[in-house]
């Protein structure tokens, strides 16, 4: 398997799925629709929908049931980035090599674009019920929808963002608080991706819980790697400003423990996650390589 080529193909597939569900640019609301599409189609790794589909395949999933959830999760991820970039949050002017949504469309329209993507996400995920032909499939879709709402909300990503903002003005932020931020702000949506993929494929509760743990490890490692790159990389490579953590006085694993310890932790967590992914009756070699790739990526 040519991993790089396969990743490009699967990323392109995830992007095509997302594009299929994005709004038409028409009517009196055209400006908001344009801002939503500008945000959602700005490129990116499409990591979460790719992970979701690969976990769906790992447990023998077939058909298109997973696709509305792939698109919905990517919409939620992108809405969070639109709001993160706002002057009231991280005040970033560039993301993925081009101006952020608020710089192009203004603060107010960027807020509406984020709100629009969030609402469209649940409308899109709910469309999976239209594909359900039996009660079992409906129950899987319902369980998946519940996981999506939980991991994106106050008990997940939003809770992590809240703790992150609070930590900026705190005098002494503990490592426990930092891990809470990483677990919820970053790992929660990766957990949503991997758990939903397994749920829709019909995996049992034990397997779903195992995927939850693997996704936690991948998410924490992914965020620590992001923190490392914010110190070691460049705007040209990342497509966004570097050094923002230091400018915004953000506590990170790197600032707490240094680069060497951070890099060791990324590798340790990735190894444990891979051990879980290889413990099932089925194997997904691409999924395993993808997790390995995340610890060596440069952007």
Protein backbone atom coordinates (compact mmCIF):
# COMPACT_ATOMS: atom_id res chain seq x y z
CA UNK A 1 0.00 0.00 0.00
CA UNK A 2 1.24 3.46 -0.92
CA UNK A 3 0.22 5.28 2.27
CA UNK A 4 0.65 8.81 0.96
CA UNK A 5 -1.42 8.15 -2.16
CA UNK A 6 -4.10 6.28 -0.20
CA UNK A 7 -4.30 9.10 2.36
CA UNK A 8 -4.76 11.64 -0.45
CA UNK A 9 -7.56 9.53 -1.94
CA UNK A 10 -9.34 9.07 1.38
CA UNK A 11 -8.95 12.75 2.24
CA UNK A 12 -10.40 13.70 -1.17
CA UNK A 13 -13.32 11.31 -0.56
CA UNK A 14 -14.02 12.88 2.85
CA UNK A 15 -13.91 16.35 1.29
CA UNK A 16 -16.32 15.30 -1.47
CA UNK A 17 -18.73 13.96 1.16
CA UNK A 18 -18.52 17.23 3.08
CA UNK A 19 -19.06 19.34 -0.05
CA UNK A 20 -22.21 17.38 -0.87
CA UNK A 21 -23.89 18.61 2.32
CA UNK A 22 -22.72 22.26 2.36
CA UNK A 23 -25.24 25.06 1.72
CA UNK A 24 -26.06 26.63 -1.63
CA UNK A 25 -24.92 30.21 -2.02
CA UNK A 26 -28.21 31.92 -2.75
CA UNK A 27 -30.96 34.11 -1.29
CA UNK A 28 -30.78 36.89 1.28
CA UNK A 29 -28.56 34.63 3.42
CA UNK A 30 -25.96 34.23 0.64
CA UNK A 31 -23.20 36.02 2.56
CA UNK A 32 -23.45 33.62 5.50
CA UNK A 33 -23.49 30.64 3.13
CA UNK A 34 -20.40 31.96 1.38
CA UNK A 35 -18.62 32.37 4.71
CA UNK A 36 -19.62 28.85 5.76
CA UNK A 37 -18.29 27.36 2.53
CA UNK A 38 -15.13 29.47 2.67
CA UNK A 39 -14.45 28.08 6.14
CA UNK A 40 -15.35 24.47 5.44
CA UNK A 41 -13.54 24.23 2.09
CA UNK A 42 -10.30 25.86 3.23
CA UNK A 43 -8.48 22.55 3.01
CA UNK A 44 -7.12 20.77 6.06
CA UNK A 45 -6.30 17.18 6.89
CA UNK A 46 -9.94 15.98 7.13
CA UNK A 47 -8.57 13.74 9.85
CA UNK A 48 -11.80 13.23 11.76
CA UNK A 49 -14.05 12.07 8.90
CA UNK A 50 -11.23 9.87 7.58
CA UNK A 51 -10.82 8.28 11.02
CA UNK A 52 -14.57 7.78 11.29
CA UNK A 53 -14.83 5.94 7.99
CA UNK A 54 -11.77 3.78 8.70
CA UNK A 55 -13.22 2.72 12.06
CA UNK A 56 -16.51 1.99 10.31
CA UNK A 57 -14.62 -0.25 7.87
CA UNK A 58 -12.56 -1.84 10.68
CA UNK A 59 -15.75 -3.27 12.18
CA UNK A 60 -17.20 -4.40 8.86
CA UNK A 61 -19.39 -1.39 8.09
CA UNK A 62 -20.90 -1.20 4.63
CA UNK A 63 -22.87 1.39 2.67
CA UNK A 64 -23.26 5.15 3.06
CA UNK A 65 -24.72 5.36 6.57
CA UNK A 66 -21.48 6.83 7.89
CA UNK A 67 -21.32 9.67 5.36
CA UNK A 68 -23.75 12.15 6.95
CA UNK A 69 -21.85 11.79 10.22
CA UNK A 70 -18.52 12.29 8.44
CA UNK A 71 -19.77 15.60 7.03
CA UNK A 72 -21.42 16.63 10.30
CA UNK A 73 -18.28 16.11 12.36
CA UNK A 74 -16.16 18.08 9.92
CA UNK A 75 -18.70 20.93 10.04
CA UNK A 76 -18.46 20.97 13.83
CA UNK A 77 -14.67 20.94 13.69
CA UNK A 78 -14.64 23.84 11.22
CA UNK A 79 -17.19 25.91 13.12
CA UNK A 80 -14.96 25.62 16.17
CA UNK A 81 -11.98 26.89 14.14
CA UNK A 82 -13.97 29.85 12.81
CA UNK A 83 -14.86 30.87 16.36
CA UNK A 84 -11.36 30.10 17.72
CA UNK A 85 -9.84 32.53 15.22
CA UNK A 86 -12.09 35.45 16.23
CA UNK A 87 -10.50 38.51 17.89
CA UNK A 88 -12.34 37.66 21.11
CA UNK A 89 -10.72 34.22 21.16
CA UNK A 90 -7.26 33.58 19.63
CA UNK A 91 -7.28 36.60 17.30
CA UNK A 92 -5.61 34.71 14.44
CA UNK A 93 -5.54 36.24 10.96
CA UNK A 94 -4.34 33.21 8.98
CA UNK A 95 -5.29 29.55 8.88
CA UNK A 96 -4.33 26.92 6.31
CA UNK A 97 -2.35 29.47 4.33
CA UNK A 98 -5.08 32.08 3.84
CA UNK A 99 -6.95 34.75 5.77
CA UNK A 100 -9.31 33.52 8.45
CA UNK A 101 -13.06 33.84 8.01
CA UNK A 102 -13.46 36.90 10.22
CA UNK A 103 -10.69 38.72 8.30
CA UNK A 104 -12.53 38.15 5.01
CA UNK A 105 -16.17 38.45 6.09
CA UNK A 106 -16.00 40.42 9.34
CA UNK A 107 -16.59 39.42 12.98
CA UNK A 108 -20.36 39.25 12.84
CA UNK A 109 -20.58 37.17 9.69
CA UNK A 110 -17.89 34.82 11.02
CA UNK A 111 -19.97 34.23 14.16
CA UNK A 112 -22.99 33.47 11.97
CA UNK A 113 -20.91 31.18 9.72
CA UNK A 114 -19.82 29.19 12.77
CA UNK A 115 -23.39 29.05 14.06
CA UNK A 116 -24.60 28.00 10.62
CA UNK A 117 -22.09 25.16 10.37
CA UNK A 118 -23.02 23.90 13.84
CA UNK A 119 -26.73 23.83 13.07
CA UNK A 120 -26.18 22.31 9.64
CA UNK A 121 -24.06 19.59 11.27
CA UNK A 122 -27.00 18.21 13.26
CA UNK A 123 -29.39 18.56 10.33
CA UNK A 124 -26.89 16.57 8.26
CA UNK A 125 -26.30 13.88 10.88
CA UNK A 126 -30.05 13.44 11.34
CA UNK A 127 -30.39 12.71 7.62
CA UNK A 128 -28.77 9.34 8.34
CA UNK A 129 -32.16 8.21 9.62
CA UNK A 130 -33.46 8.50 6.07
CA UNK A 131 -31.11 5.64 5.15
CA UNK A 132 -32.22 3.39 7.99
CA UNK A 133 -34.30 0.47 6.78
CA UNK A 134 -34.66 -1.35 10.10
CA UNK A 135 -34.92 -0.64 13.82
CA UNK A 136 -31.37 -1.78 14.55
CA UNK A 137 -29.90 0.74 12.11
CA UNK A 138 -32.08 3.49 13.56
CA UNK A 139 -30.82 2.68 17.05
CA UNK A 140 -27.22 2.83 15.85
CA UNK A 141 -27.84 6.21 14.22
CA UNK A 142 -29.51 7.48 17.40
CA UNK A 143 -26.60 6.32 19.54
CA UNK A 144 -24.14 7.93 17.12
CA UNK A 145 -26.08 11.22 17.23
CA UNK A 146 -25.98 11.18 21.02
CA UNK A 147 -22.20 10.66 21.00
CA UNK A 148 -21.79 13.50 18.48
CA UNK A 149 -23.76 15.96 20.63
CA UNK A 150 -22.01 14.91 23.83
CA UNK A 151 -18.45 15.14 22.52
CA UNK A 152 -19.07 18.47 20.77
CA UNK A 153 -20.84 20.11 23.71
CA UNK A 154 -20.18 21.25 27.26
CA UNK A 155 -19.14 17.73 28.24
CA UNK A 156 -16.58 17.69 25.42
CA UNK A 157 -15.10 20.27 23.07
CA UNK A 158 -16.88 23.35 24.44
CA UNK A 159 -15.99 22.34 28.00
CA UNK A 160 -12.36 22.06 26.95
CA UNK A 161 -12.46 25.47 25.27
CA UNK A 162 -13.98 26.97 28.42
CA UNK A 163 -11.19 25.56 30.59
CA UNK A 164 -8.64 26.75 28.02
CA UNK A 165 -9.86 30.35 28.23
CA UNK A 166 -9.92 30.20 32.03
CA UNK A 167 -6.37 28.87 32.07
CA UNK A 168 -5.06 31.92 30.18
CA UNK A 169 -5.67 34.18 33.19
CA UNK A 170 -4.98 31.61 35.91
CA UNK A 171 -1.86 31.95 38.04
CA UNK A 172 -1.12 28.26 38.49
CA UNK A 173 -2.56 25.81 35.98
CA UNK A 174 -1.96 22.19 36.90
CA UNK A 175 -1.06 19.36 34.56
CA UNK A 176 -4.42 17.81 35.45
CA UNK A 177 -6.17 20.92 34.12
CA UNK A 178 -4.02 20.89 30.98
CA UNK A 179 -4.91 17.27 30.25
CA UNK A 180 -8.59 18.10 30.80
CA UNK A 181 -8.27 20.83 28.17
CA UNK A 182 -6.56 18.50 25.69
CA UNK A 183 -8.98 15.65 26.39
CA UNK A 184 -12.01 17.81 25.74
CA UNK A 185 -10.88 20.50 23.34
CA UNK A 186 -9.07 18.13 20.96
CA UNK A 187 -9.54 14.46 21.83
CA UNK A 188 -13.33 14.69 22.22
CA UNK A 189 -14.00 15.10 18.49
CA UNK A 190 -11.53 12.33 17.65
CA UNK A 191 -13.39 10.14 20.13
CA UNK A 192 -16.62 11.09 18.39
CA UNK A 193 -15.13 10.08 15.05
CA UNK A 194 -13.84 6.69 16.13
CA UNK A 195 -16.74 5.76 18.39
CA UNK A 196 -19.36 6.74 15.80
CA UNK A 197 -17.57 4.73 13.12
CA UNK A 198 -17.62 1.67 15.36
CA UNK A 199 -21.22 2.21 16.50
CA UNK A 200 -22.61 2.57 12.98
CA UNK A 201 -20.80 -0.61 11.93
CA UNK A 202 -22.46 -2.55 14.76
CA UNK A 203 -19.49 -2.96 17.12
CA UNK A 204 -20.33 -4.15 20.63
CA UNK A 205 -20.04 -1.93 23.71
CA UNK A 206 -16.63 -3.31 24.72
CA UNK A 207 -15.20 -2.48 21.30
CA UNK A 208 -16.73 1.02 21.35
CA UNK A 209 -15.14 1.64 24.75
CA UNK A 210 -11.79 0.42 23.42
CA UNK A 211 -12.09 2.87 20.53
CA UNK A 212 -12.92 5.62 23.01
CA UNK A 213 -9.65 4.92 24.84
CA UNK A 214 -7.61 4.70 21.63
CA UNK A 215 -9.10 7.99 20.44
CA UNK A 216 -8.28 9.65 23.77
CA UNK A 217 -4.63 8.67 23.36
CA UNK A 218 -4.55 9.75 19.72
CA UNK A 219 -6.23 13.06 20.57
CA UNK A 220 -3.85 13.94 23.41
CA UNK A 221 -0.83 12.94 21.31
CA UNK A 222 -2.18 14.95 18.36
CA UNK A 223 -2.58 18.09 20.51
CA UNK A 224 0.87 17.75 22.08
CA UNK A 225 2.27 17.38 18.56
CA UNK A 226 0.43 20.58 17.59
CA UNK A 227 2.04 22.33 20.56
CA UNK A 228 5.45 21.04 19.49
CA UNK A 229 4.94 22.32 15.93
CA UNK A 230 3.82 25.72 17.27
CA UNK A 231 7.36 26.01 18.69
CA UNK A 232 9.45 24.26 16.05
CA UNK A 233 7.71 24.88 12.72
CA UNK A 234 7.06 27.95 10.55
CA UNK A 235 4.05 29.77 9.13
CA UNK A 236 5.07 28.66 5.64
CA UNK A 237 4.91 25.00 6.63
CA UNK A 238 1.85 25.12 8.91
CA UNK A 239 -0.17 27.65 6.94
CA UNK A 240 -0.92 29.58 10.13
CA UNK A 241 1.10 31.76 12.52
CA UNK A 242 3.43 29.95 14.90
CA UNK A 243 4.22 31.03 18.43
CA UNK A 244 0.58 31.89 19.18
CA UNK A 245 0.62 29.78 22.34
CA UNK A 246 3.42 31.88 23.81
CA UNK A 247 1.85 35.17 22.65
CA UNK A 248 -1.47 34.22 24.24
CA UNK A 249 0.25 32.97 27.41
CA UNK A 250 -1.19 29.49 26.95
CA UNK A 251 -0.02 26.65 29.10
CA UNK A 252 1.03 23.67 26.96
CA UNK A 253 2.69 20.32 27.56
CA UNK A 254 5.80 21.79 25.94
CA UNK A 255 5.91 24.80 28.28
CA UNK A 256 5.40 22.49 31.26
CA UNK A 257 7.83 19.70 30.41
CA UNK A 258 9.98 20.84 27.49
CA UNK A 259 10.27 19.56 23.92
CA UNK A 260 12.03 16.27 24.66
CA UNK A 261 9.48 15.08 27.21
CA UNK A 262 6.63 16.20 24.96
CA UNK A 263 7.99 14.23 22.01
CA UNK A 264 8.44 11.14 24.21
CA UNK A 265 4.85 11.41 25.43
CA UNK A 266 3.51 11.62 21.87
CA UNK A 267 5.34 8.43 20.93
CA UNK A 268 4.26 6.58 24.09
CA UNK A 269 0.58 7.41 23.63
CA UNK A 270 0.67 6.55 19.94
CA UNK A 271 2.15 3.13 20.69
CA UNK A 272 -0.61 2.37 23.20
CA UNK A 273 -3.28 3.48 20.74
CA UNK A 274 -1.82 1.21 18.05
CA UNK A 275 -1.86 -1.71 20.49
CA UNK A 276 -5.61 -1.23 20.92
CA UNK A 277 -6.26 -0.91 17.17
CA UNK A 278 -4.44 -4.18 16.48
CA UNK A 279 -6.31 -6.11 19.19
CA UNK A 280 -9.50 -6.78 17.19
CA UNK A 281 -10.30 -9.75 14.95
CA UNK A 282 -10.18 -7.50 11.90
CA UNK A 283 -7.23 -5.31 10.94
CA UNK A 284 -7.15 -2.00 9.10
CA UNK A 285 -3.57 -1.41 8.00
CA UNK A 286 -4.28 2.06 6.68
CA UNK A 287 -5.79 3.12 10.00
CA UNK A 288 -2.71 1.83 11.82
CA UNK A 289 -0.38 3.70 9.46
CA UNK A 290 -2.45 6.85 9.83
CA UNK A 291 -1.98 6.85 13.60
CA UNK A 292 1.76 6.32 13.14
CA UNK A 293 1.85 9.17 10.64
CA UNK A 294 0.32 11.55 13.15
CA UNK A 295 3.38 11.33 15.41
CA UNK A 296 5.82 12.20 12.63
CA UNK A 297 3.81 14.85 10.72
CA UNK A 298 5.35 18.24 10.10
CA UNK A 299 2.12 20.21 9.65
